[in-house]
Amino acid sequence: MNNFKIKARSFLESKYCPLLLAILTLISHTFSLEPIGFVSIILCAIVGLLICEDLKFLIAPLFLFIFAFSEKSVASKIYYSKPYIIAMICTGIVVLCVFIAHFIIYKRHVSWKSFKGSKLFLGLVLLLCSFLLNGALNFDGYEYGNIIYALILSLCLFGVFFIFYSNLKPNSQLYKHLLYVLYLVSLVLTLQLYFSFFNQIQIVDGEIVKESVMFGWGMWNNMGGMLAFLLPVHFYYASTVKKFGFAFYVTGIMSFLAIVLTLSRSSLLASVIAIVICVIISCFAGNNKLINRIITISLAILGIVGIILLWDKISNILGDYLARGFDDNGRFEMYYHGLWNFLENPIFGGGFYSAYKLEHQFISFLPFRYHNTFVQMAGTCGAFGLVSYVWHRYETIKLFLSKKTLYSLFIAISIGSMLFGSLLDNHFFNLYPTFIYSVMLVVLEKSNSTNTQS
């Protein structure tokens, strides 16, 4: 039994377990075989909670689970059927019980005292309070959904950070494991996009139909936002891996082209800024400066020639970009509503469910949101929420500036890409990017004490 436990723990904490889960997640999404991905991910989580001493192993299952959902299955509404609802509730109870058992078996506890030592402590506590108090003084327009969404969002941001911060052992391998999992997630999403052209995304008269760019777990802007969020990880490896580092540069370009094909303008803008910064760093820092310069110049020449020769086809397939141009797509009207909501409810905002109502909402139970983090915080959480968010940003920037490592620089660019995209979209309030963001901050802070200079 002890031999099995040692081998199982070794596998769960190795590179092979995240790789296997990534492959199964891709298969699950591509062929609408979600049970394969769900069972594998949940089984790894349950076994890991029983035999692993900290939560490092849980990063891959946590990040990958949501991306197993396929558009075909979600559109069929199979997850709203009684058998699935009952199965999900029972599974949730089992995982919760095993999670509690993990803390009992290994005598671990969620230490508030330990958490108070975090450099992000005050900002996170202020954000938690601002979420929970959203719309508190909006007596006429308060909805019970405000507190429900606030609790879910708080769990994804504050709860995830709190639990992982208290139960991750600082070591020199922690940030390597995180970046490896992030890279795998980016590959999975990139391939999901390309594979979807065979069974989901429609091309009519040579032009991509934007409304068909759906993935079950999200739509075009969600996919574009996640790919832009994870894009810098490719270039971290392109700058640090001594042997075949160029391969990661290639996957980075593939991921960037996938962002272009999502037709998400906000994600494209964020990714262009991110990739320019990453390419400059890759060409002047790290282990592969010369080869990265050669690849960059070659791709630039190839890209210019390709655009000139194939402009008719390119402009046709990406016609949505040209048609919309710099159109605000109703955002200015949303911002106006958000600022007016703030003026009417200046202290704690109007509440999450007081936001401007759009014509389309991908996930029906989530509130409509303002497509700008600052307007969102002001309109729904008031001055208290806006100040809390600004203070949290101040603490995260201060944390980044205290680091002098290449990996922390690329993590900063990655988070910056997501936050920039959130100035034009809802990524920070979409739940799954938020808990990825939380774990990234935990690992960055935990790695700070190891004095790693990679």
Protein backbone atom coordinates (compact mmCIF):
# COMPACT_ATOMS: atom_id res chain seq x y z
CA MET A 1 0.00 0.00 0.00
CA ASN A 2 2.81 2.39 0.89
CA ASN A 3 4.53 1.58 -2.40
CA PHE A 4 1.33 2.45 -4.33
CA LYS A 5 0.97 5.68 -2.36
CA ILE A 6 4.54 6.73 -3.14
CA LYS A 7 4.18 5.96 -6.86
CA ALA A 8 0.76 7.63 -7.10
CA ARG A 9 2.02 10.75 -5.33
CA SER A 10 5.08 10.84 -7.57
CA PHE A 11 2.86 10.65 -10.67
CA LEU A 12 0.42 13.31 -9.49
CA GLU A 13 3.23 15.75 -8.71
CA SER A 14 5.16 14.99 -11.91
CA LYS A 15 4.91 16.56 -15.38
CA TYR A 16 3.10 13.51 -16.72
CA CYS A 17 -0.14 13.95 -14.80
CA PRO A 18 -0.86 17.51 -16.08
CA LEU A 19 0.09 16.37 -19.60
CA LEU A 20 -2.32 13.41 -19.43
CA LEU A 21 -5.12 15.60 -18.08
CA ALA A 22 -4.48 18.19 -20.81
CA ILE A 23 -4.73 15.53 -23.53
CA LEU A 24 -7.94 14.10 -22.04
CA THR A 25 -9.41 17.61 -21.72
CA LEU A 26 -8.71 18.27 -25.40
CA ILE A 27 -10.27 14.94 -26.41
CA SER A 28 -13.29 15.60 -24.20
CA HIS A 29 -13.94 18.99 -25.76
CA THR A 30 -13.20 18.05 -29.37
CA PHE A 31 -15.35 14.89 -29.44
CA SER A 32 -17.95 15.95 -26.81
CA LEU A 33 -16.78 13.15 -24.51
CA GLU A 34 -16.80 15.23 -21.33
CA PRO A 35 -17.19 12.27 -18.93
CA ILE A 36 -13.66 11.14 -19.92
CA GLY A 37 -12.17 14.46 -18.92
CA PHE A 38 -14.38 15.01 -15.88
CA VAL A 39 -13.82 11.56 -14.38
CA SER A 40 -10.05 11.76 -14.93
CA ILE A 41 -9.75 15.24 -13.44
CA ILE A 42 -12.00 14.52 -10.46
CA LEU A 43 -10.30 11.18 -9.78
CA CYS A 44 -6.87 12.84 -9.78
CA ALA A 45 -8.17 15.53 -7.43
CA ILE A 46 -9.69 13.01 -5.00
CA VAL A 47 -6.67 10.70 -4.94
CA GLY A 48 -4.30 13.65 -4.66
CA LEU A 49 -6.18 15.13 -1.73
CA LEU A 50 -5.83 11.82 0.09
CA ILE A 51 -2.15 11.12 -0.55
CA CYS A 52 -0.40 14.45 -1.33
CA GLU A 53 0.90 16.65 1.45
CA ASP A 54 0.24 20.00 -0.23
CA LEU A 55 -1.96 21.34 -3.05
CA LYS A 56 0.60 21.71 -5.86
CA PHE A 57 -0.91 18.69 -7.64
CA LEU A 58 -4.33 20.41 -7.67
CA ILE A 59 -3.25 23.28 -9.96
CA ALA A 60 -3.67 21.26 -13.19
CA PRO A 61 -7.11 19.75 -12.35
CA LEU A 62 -8.36 23.14 -11.16
CA PHE A 63 -7.25 24.96 -14.31
CA LEU A 64 -8.33 22.33 -16.86
CA PHE A 65 -11.75 21.25 -15.58
CA ILE A 66 -13.80 24.09 -17.09
CA PHE A 67 -12.26 23.67 -20.56
CA ALA A 68 -13.59 20.14 -21.02
CA PHE A 69 -17.11 21.45 -21.75
CA SER A 70 -17.96 21.27 -25.47
CA GLU A 71 -20.39 23.48 -27.37
CA LYS A 72 -22.32 20.47 -28.66
CA SER A 73 -23.04 19.14 -25.17
CA VAL A 74 -23.85 22.53 -23.66
CA ALA A 75 -26.16 23.41 -26.57
CA SER A 76 -28.02 20.10 -26.07
CA LYS A 77 -28.75 21.24 -22.46
CA ILE A 78 -27.77 17.80 -21.21
CA TYR A 79 -26.24 19.38 -18.11
CA TYR A 80 -29.66 20.67 -17.10
CA SER A 81 -31.12 17.16 -16.97
CA LYS A 82 -31.88 15.54 -13.61
CA PRO A 83 -29.27 12.73 -13.83
CA TYR A 84 -26.46 15.22 -14.50
CA ILE A 85 -27.60 17.64 -11.82
CA ILE A 86 -27.80 14.83 -9.25
CA ALA A 87 -24.39 13.48 -10.36
CA MET A 88 -22.80 16.94 -10.10
CA ILE A 89 -24.24 17.54 -6.64
CA CYS A 90 -23.08 14.14 -5.38
CA THR A 91 -19.63 14.62 -6.91
CA GLY A 92 -19.37 18.06 -5.34
CA ILE A 93 -20.22 16.64 -1.91
CA VAL A 94 -17.65 13.84 -2.27
CA VAL A 95 -14.90 16.26 -3.36
CA LEU A 96 -15.76 18.62 -0.49
CA CYS A 97 -15.59 15.77 2.03
CA VAL A 98 -12.26 14.56 0.66
CA PHE A 99 -10.98 18.15 0.68
CA ILE A 100 -11.83 18.42 4.39
CA ALA A 101 -10.25 15.01 4.96
CA HIS A 102 -7.01 16.27 3.38
CA PHE A 103 -6.67 18.93 6.05
CA ILE A 104 -7.46 16.45 8.81
CA ILE A 105 -5.09 13.71 7.56
CA TYR A 106 -2.12 16.02 7.10
CA LYS A 107 -2.98 18.22 10.09
CA ARG A 108 -3.20 21.25 7.85
CA HIS A 109 -5.31 24.29 8.53
CA VAL A 110 -6.31 27.42 6.72
CA SER A 111 -4.27 29.83 8.79
CA TRP A 112 -5.54 33.39 9.01
CA LYS A 113 -2.38 34.31 10.91
CA SER A 114 -0.25 32.93 8.06
CA PHE A 115 -2.39 34.72 5.48
CA LYS A 116 -1.91 38.06 7.26
CA GLY A 117 1.77 37.79 6.33
CA SER A 118 0.93 37.99 2.61
CA LYS A 119 2.00 41.16 0.82
CA LEU A 120 -1.44 41.16 -0.85
CA PHE A 121 -3.41 40.71 2.40
CA LEU A 122 -5.00 44.14 2.81
CA GLY A 123 -5.98 44.56 -0.84
CA LEU A 124 -7.63 41.13 -0.99
CA VAL A 125 -9.53 41.69 2.26
CA LEU A 126 -10.76 45.07 1.01
CA LEU A 127 -11.86 43.49 -2.29
CA LEU A 128 -13.67 40.72 -0.40
CA CYS A 129 -15.55 43.28 1.70
CA SER A 130 -16.40 45.41 -1.34
CA PHE A 131 -17.79 42.37 -3.19
CA LEU A 132 -19.94 41.31 -0.24
CA LEU A 133 -21.23 44.87 0.32
CA ASN A 134 -22.11 45.49 -3.33
CA GLY A 135 -25.37 47.43 -3.58
CA ALA A 136 -25.76 47.48 0.21
CA LEU A 137 -27.44 50.94 0.27
CA ASN A 138 -29.45 50.49 -2.92
CA PHE A 139 -32.59 49.59 -0.98
CA ASP A 140 -35.03 49.96 -3.87
CA GLY A 141 -33.00 48.03 -6.46
CA TYR A 142 -31.20 45.40 -4.37
CA GLU A 143 -31.41 41.81 -5.66
CA TYR A 144 -30.53 38.62 -3.80
CA GLY A 145 -28.40 37.60 -6.75
CA ASN A 146 -25.94 40.31 -5.69
CA ILE A 147 -24.79 38.35 -2.65
CA ILE A 148 -24.80 34.99 -4.48
CA TYR A 149 -22.53 36.25 -7.27
CA ALA A 150 -20.39 38.10 -4.70
CA LEU A 151 -19.86 34.86 -2.77
CA ILE A 152 -18.90 32.94 -5.93
CA LEU A 153 -16.53 35.69 -7.09
CA SER A 154 -15.03 35.96 -3.59
CA LEU A 155 -14.43 32.20 -3.54
CA CYS A 156 -12.63 32.36 -6.92
CA LEU A 157 -10.44 35.30 -5.94
CA PHE A 158 -10.09 35.47 -2.17
CA GLY A 159 -10.95 31.85 -1.29
CA VAL A 160 -8.60 30.26 -3.82
CA PHE A 161 -5.76 32.59 -2.81
CA PHE A 162 -6.39 31.95 0.90
CA ILE A 163 -6.43 28.15 0.61
CA PHE A 164 -3.45 27.84 -1.73
CA TYR A 165 -1.42 30.41 0.18
CA SER A 166 -1.91 28.41 3.38
CA ASN A 167 -1.22 25.04 1.78
CA LEU A 168 1.52 25.37 -0.82
CA LYS A 169 5.08 24.64 0.24
CA PRO A 170 7.53 27.29 -1.03
CA ASN A 171 10.23 25.64 -3.15
CA SER A 172 12.23 26.28 -6.29
CA GLN A 173 10.03 23.92 -8.35
CA LEU A 174 6.71 25.59 -7.59
CA TYR A 175 6.84 28.34 -10.21
CA LYS A 176 8.16 25.83 -12.78
CA HIS A 177 5.14 23.61 -12.19
CA LEU A 178 2.76 26.57 -12.51
CA LEU A 179 4.27 27.78 -15.79
CA TYR A 180 4.24 24.24 -17.16
CA VAL A 181 0.54 23.85 -16.40
CA LEU A 182 -0.24 27.29 -17.86
CA TYR A 183 1.63 26.34 -21.03
CA LEU A 184 -0.38 23.12 -21.34
CA VAL A 185 -3.66 25.00 -20.84
CA SER A 186 -2.66 27.45 -23.56
CA LEU A 187 -1.86 24.58 -25.94
CA VAL A 188 -5.21 22.92 -25.18
CA LEU A 189 -7.12 26.14 -25.91
CA THR A 190 -5.10 26.87 -29.06
CA LEU A 191 -5.84 23.40 -30.43
CA GLN A 192 -9.50 23.67 -29.40
CA LEU A 193 -9.76 26.76 -31.59
CA TYR A 194 -8.13 25.13 -34.60
CA PHE A 195 -10.06 21.86 -34.22
CA SER A 196 -13.33 23.80 -33.95
CA PHE A 197 -12.96 24.83 -37.58
CA PHE A 198 -13.67 21.19 -38.49
CA ASN A 199 -16.85 20.72 -36.45
CA GLN A 200 -18.15 24.02 -35.08
CA ILE A 201 -16.91 27.28 -36.57
CA GLN A 202 -18.60 28.24 -39.83
CA ILE A 203 -17.03 29.97 -42.81
CA VAL A 204 -19.51 31.52 -45.26
CA ASP A 205 -18.27 33.03 -48.53
CA GLY A 206 -14.74 32.86 -47.21
CA GLU A 207 -15.55 34.80 -44.01
CA ILE A 208 -15.62 33.45 -40.44
CA VAL A 209 -19.08 33.67 -38.90
CA LYS A 210 -18.29 35.26 -35.55
CA GLU A 211 -21.43 33.94 -33.83
CA SER A 212 -20.28 30.35 -34.53
CA VAL A 213 -17.02 30.81 -32.59
CA MET A 214 -18.39 29.03 -29.51
CA PHE A 215 -16.70 26.51 -27.23
CA GLY A 216 -19.14 25.32 -24.58
CA TRP A 217 -17.15 26.92 -21.78
CA GLY A 218 -17.10 30.31 -23.53
CA MET A 219 -17.43 32.28 -26.73
CA TRP A 220 -15.04 34.19 -29.03
CA ASN A 221 -14.06 36.90 -26.56
CA ASN A 222 -13.59 34.37 -23.74
CA MET A 223 -11.31 32.23 -25.89
CA GLY A 224 -9.40 35.26 -27.14
CA GLY A 225 -9.04 36.61 -23.61
CA MET A 226 -7.71 33.35 -22.20
CA LEU A 227 -5.24 32.88 -25.06
CA ALA A 228 -3.98 36.46 -24.63
CA PHE A 229 -3.72 35.85 -20.87
CA LEU A 230 -1.51 32.78 -21.40
CA LEU A 231 0.44 33.92 -24.48
CA PRO A 232 3.54 35.19 -22.58
CA VAL A 233 4.19 31.72 -21.12
CA HIS A 234 5.26 30.48 -24.58
CA PHE A 235 7.90 33.19 -24.80
CA TYR A 236 9.15 32.50 -21.29
CA TYR A 237 10.09 29.01 -22.48
CA ALA A 238 11.41 30.38 -25.78
CA SER A 239 13.77 32.54 -23.71
CA THR A 240 14.86 29.97 -21.12
CA VAL A 241 14.85 26.46 -22.63
CA LYS A 242 18.34 25.91 -24.02
CA LYS A 243 17.55 22.95 -26.26
CA PHE A 244 14.83 23.39 -28.91
CA GLY A 245 13.69 26.67 -27.34
CA PHE A 246 12.61 27.81 -30.80
CA ALA A 247 9.74 25.29 -30.66
CA PHE A 248 8.08 27.38 -27.95
CA TYR A 249 8.43 30.49 -30.10
CA VAL A 250 6.55 28.60 -32.82
CA THR A 251 3.73 27.55 -30.46
CA GLY A 252 3.55 31.17 -29.28
CA ILE A 253 2.99 32.33 -32.87
CA MET A 254 0.37 29.58 -33.32
CA SER A 255 -1.42 30.82 -30.20
CA PHE A 256 -1.27 34.43 -31.40
CA LEU A 257 -2.76 33.44 -34.79
CA ALA A 258 -5.51 31.60 -32.90
CA ILE A 259 -6.30 34.86 -31.07
CA VAL A 260 -6.58 36.62 -34.44
CA LEU A 261 -9.05 33.95 -35.61
CA THR A 262 -11.31 34.42 -32.56
CA LEU A 263 -12.31 37.82 -34.03
CA SER A 264 -12.13 39.31 -30.52
CA ARG A 265 -10.86 42.87 -30.99
CA SER A 266 -10.09 43.50 -27.32
CA SER A 267 -8.12 40.26 -27.08
CA LEU A 268 -6.25 41.03 -30.28
CA LEU A 269 -5.24 44.45 -28.94
CA ALA A 270 -4.09 42.98 -25.62
CA SER A 271 -2.18 40.17 -27.32
CA VAL A 272 -0.43 42.51 -29.79
CA ILE A 273 0.92 44.56 -26.90
CA ALA A 274 1.90 41.40 -25.00
CA ILE A 275 3.61 39.69 -27.93
CA VAL A 276 5.61 42.81 -28.85
CA ILE A 277 6.94 43.04 -25.28
CA CYS A 278 7.61 39.28 -25.15
CA VAL A 279 9.44 39.24 -28.48
CA ILE A 280 11.66 42.16 -27.45
CA ILE A 281 12.54 40.38 -24.20
CA SER A 282 13.15 37.09 -26.02
CA CYS A 283 15.51 38.79 -28.46
CA PHE A 284 17.56 40.60 -25.83
CA ALA A 285 17.37 38.41 -22.70
CA GLY A 286 17.56 34.75 -21.79
CA ASN A 287 19.35 31.83 -23.43
CA ASN A 288 18.22 32.00 -27.06
CA LYS A 289 18.71 35.62 -28.08
CA LEU A 290 20.33 34.93 -31.47
CA ILE A 291 17.89 32.27 -32.70
CA ASN A 292 14.94 34.34 -31.46
CA ARG A 293 16.20 37.36 -33.41
CA ILE A 294 16.54 35.24 -36.55
CA ILE A 295 13.03 33.81 -36.12
CA THR A 296 11.57 37.27 -35.44
CA ILE A 297 13.12 38.86 -38.54
CA SER A 298 12.19 35.86 -40.71
CA LEU A 299 8.57 35.88 -39.51
CA ALA A 300 8.32 39.64 -39.96
CA ILE A 301 9.47 39.37 -43.59
CA LEU A 302 7.27 36.34 -44.23
CA GLY A 303 4.29 38.08 -42.66
CA ILE A 304 4.67 41.24 -44.73
CA VAL A 305 5.05 39.27 -47.98
CA GLY A 306 2.13 37.01 -47.05
CA ILE A 307 -0.17 39.95 -46.30
CA ILE A 308 0.73 41.63 -49.62
CA LEU A 309 0.20 38.47 -51.71
CA LEU A 310 -2.82 37.08 -49.86
CA TRP A 311 -4.55 40.28 -48.75
CA ASP A 312 -7.80 39.49 -50.59
CA LYS A 313 -8.22 36.17 -48.81
CA ILE A 314 -7.04 37.50 -45.45
CA SER A 315 -9.32 40.53 -45.57
CA ASN A 316 -12.21 38.25 -46.49
CA ILE A 317 -11.78 35.64 -43.77
CA LEU A 318 -11.18 38.35 -41.15
CA GLY A 319 -13.92 40.57 -42.54
CA ASP A 320 -15.50 41.10 -39.13
CA TYR A 321 -12.48 43.12 -37.97
CA LEU A 322 -12.67 45.39 -41.03
CA ALA A 323 -16.44 45.76 -40.77
CA ARG A 324 -16.41 46.76 -37.10
CA GLY A 325 -13.19 48.75 -37.13
CA PHE A 326 -13.08 50.98 -34.06
CA ASP A 327 -16.82 50.76 -33.39
CA ASP A 328 -17.42 50.72 -29.61
CA ASN A 329 -20.12 48.02 -29.95
CA GLY A 330 -22.28 49.70 -27.30
CA ARG A 331 -19.51 50.03 -24.73
CA PHE A 332 -19.77 53.81 -24.32
CA GLU A 333 -23.45 53.40 -23.52
CA MET A 334 -22.55 50.75 -20.92
CA TYR A 335 -19.87 53.00 -19.41
CA TYR A 336 -22.34 55.88 -19.20
CA HIS A 337 -24.84 53.64 -17.41
CA GLY A 338 -22.12 52.42 -15.03
CA LEU A 339 -21.00 55.94 -14.13
CA TRP A 340 -24.61 57.02 -13.64
CA ASN A 341 -25.16 53.97 -11.45
CA PHE A 342 -22.14 55.06 -9.41
CA LEU A 343 -23.47 58.62 -8.99
CA GLU A 344 -26.80 57.27 -7.78
CA ASN A 345 -25.14 54.81 -5.39
CA PRO A 346 -21.72 56.32 -4.64
CA ILE A 347 -20.69 54.37 -1.51
CA PHE A 348 -21.36 50.67 -2.26
CA GLY A 349 -22.67 50.92 -5.83
CA GLY A 350 -25.91 49.68 -7.29
CA GLY A 351 -25.02 45.99 -6.95
CA PHE A 352 -23.81 43.40 -9.46
CA TYR A 353 -27.31 42.79 -10.83
CA SER A 354 -27.95 46.48 -11.43
CA ALA A 355 -25.58 46.54 -14.41
CA TYR A 356 -26.60 47.60 -17.91
CA LYS A 357 -28.69 44.90 -19.59
CA LEU A 358 -27.20 43.60 -22.84
CA GLU A 359 -29.12 41.82 -25.58
CA HIS A 360 -26.96 38.70 -25.25
CA GLN A 361 -25.56 36.94 -22.21
CA PHE A 362 -23.51 33.76 -22.69
CA ILE A 363 -24.12 32.32 -19.21
CA SER A 364 -27.64 33.22 -18.10
CA PHE A 365 -27.15 33.07 -14.32
CA LEU A 366 -24.26 35.54 -14.33
CA PRO A 367 -25.06 39.26 -14.05
CA PHE A 368 -24.60 41.57 -17.00
CA ARG A 369 -21.32 43.44 -16.67
CA TYR A 370 -19.84 46.72 -17.88
CA HIS A 371 -16.88 45.47 -19.96
CA ASN A 372 -14.44 47.64 -17.99
CA THR A 373 -12.99 46.75 -14.60
CA PHE A 374 -12.97 50.29 -13.21
CA VAL A 375 -16.50 51.09 -14.41
CA GLN A 376 -17.63 47.69 -13.09
CA MET A 377 -16.20 48.30 -9.62
CA ALA A 378 -17.54 51.87 -9.47
CA GLY A 379 -21.03 51.08 -10.79
CA THR A 380 -21.66 47.90 -8.82
CA CYS A 381 -19.46 48.29 -5.71
CA GLY A 382 -19.19 52.08 -5.46
CA ALA A 383 -16.30 54.17 -4.20
CA PHE A 384 -15.44 51.50 -1.63
CA GLY A 385 -15.07 48.90 -4.39
CA LEU A 386 -13.09 51.21 -6.66
CA VAL A 387 -10.64 52.17 -3.89
CA SER A 388 -10.31 48.50 -2.88
CA TYR A 389 -9.47 47.46 -6.43
CA VAL A 390 -6.94 50.30 -6.86
CA TRP A 391 -5.26 49.31 -3.59
CA HIS A 392 -5.11 45.66 -4.72
CA ARG A 393 -3.51 46.80 -7.96
CA TYR A 394 -0.99 48.86 -6.00
CA GLU A 395 -0.03 45.81 -3.91
CA THR A 396 0.32 43.53 -6.94
CA ILE A 397 2.51 46.06 -8.78
CA LYS A 398 4.63 46.44 -5.66
CA LEU A 399 5.00 42.64 -5.50
CA PHE A 400 6.08 42.47 -9.15
CA LEU A 401 8.62 45.26 -8.68
CA SER A 402 10.14 43.39 -5.73
CA LYS A 403 11.03 40.51 -8.06
CA LYS A 404 14.11 40.38 -10.24
CA THR A 405 13.57 37.11 -12.14
CA LEU A 406 12.68 36.34 -15.72
CA TYR A 407 9.77 34.09 -14.74
CA SER A 408 8.20 36.85 -12.60
CA LEU A 409 8.51 39.28 -15.53
CA PHE A 410 6.60 36.96 -17.85
CA ILE A 411 3.96 36.27 -15.19
CA ALA A 412 3.57 40.04 -14.82
CA ILE A 413 3.10 40.42 -18.59
CA SER A 414 0.58 37.57 -18.56
CA ILE A 415 -1.50 39.10 -15.79
CA GLY A 416 -1.10 42.53 -17.37
CA SER A 417 -2.49 41.16 -20.64
CA MET A 418 -5.57 39.83 -18.87
CA LEU A 419 -6.09 43.07 -16.94
CA PHE A 420 -5.66 45.20 -20.06
CA GLY A 421 -8.22 43.02 -21.86
CA SER A 422 -10.53 43.51 -18.88
CA LEU A 423 -10.61 47.25 -19.62
CA LEU A 424 -12.63 46.35 -22.72
CA ASP A 425 -14.20 43.07 -21.59
CA ASN A 426 -15.26 41.07 -18.50
CA HIS A 427 -12.33 38.65 -18.03
CA PHE A 428 -11.63 39.61 -14.40
CA PHE A 429 -15.27 38.87 -13.51
CA ASN A 430 -15.65 35.65 -15.55
CA LEU A 431 -14.70 33.44 -12.55
CA TYR A 432 -12.33 30.92 -14.21
CA PRO A 433 -9.69 33.51 -15.25
CA THR A 434 -9.98 34.86 -11.70
CA PHE A 435 -8.98 31.67 -9.89
CA ILE A 436 -6.11 31.15 -12.34
CA TYR A 437 -5.05 34.72 -11.58
CA SER A 438 -5.27 34.01 -7.83
CA VAL A 439 -3.05 30.92 -8.01
CA MET A 440 -0.52 32.82 -10.13
CA LEU A 441 -0.27 35.50 -7.43
CA VAL A 442 0.13 32.85 -4.71
CA VAL A 443 2.95 31.08 -6.55
CA LEU A 444 4.64 34.36 -7.39
CA GLU A 445 4.63 35.38 -3.74
CA LYS A 446 5.61 31.90 -2.49
CA SER A 447 8.47 31.75 -4.99
CA ASN A 448 9.68 35.11 -3.71
CA SER A 449 11.18 33.44 -0.65
CA THR A 450 13.20 30.89 -2.63
CA ASN A 451 15.59 33.41 -4.22
CA THR A 452 15.29 31.70 -7.58
CA GLN A 453 16.75 33.74 -10.41
CA SER A 454 15.57 31.76 -13.44
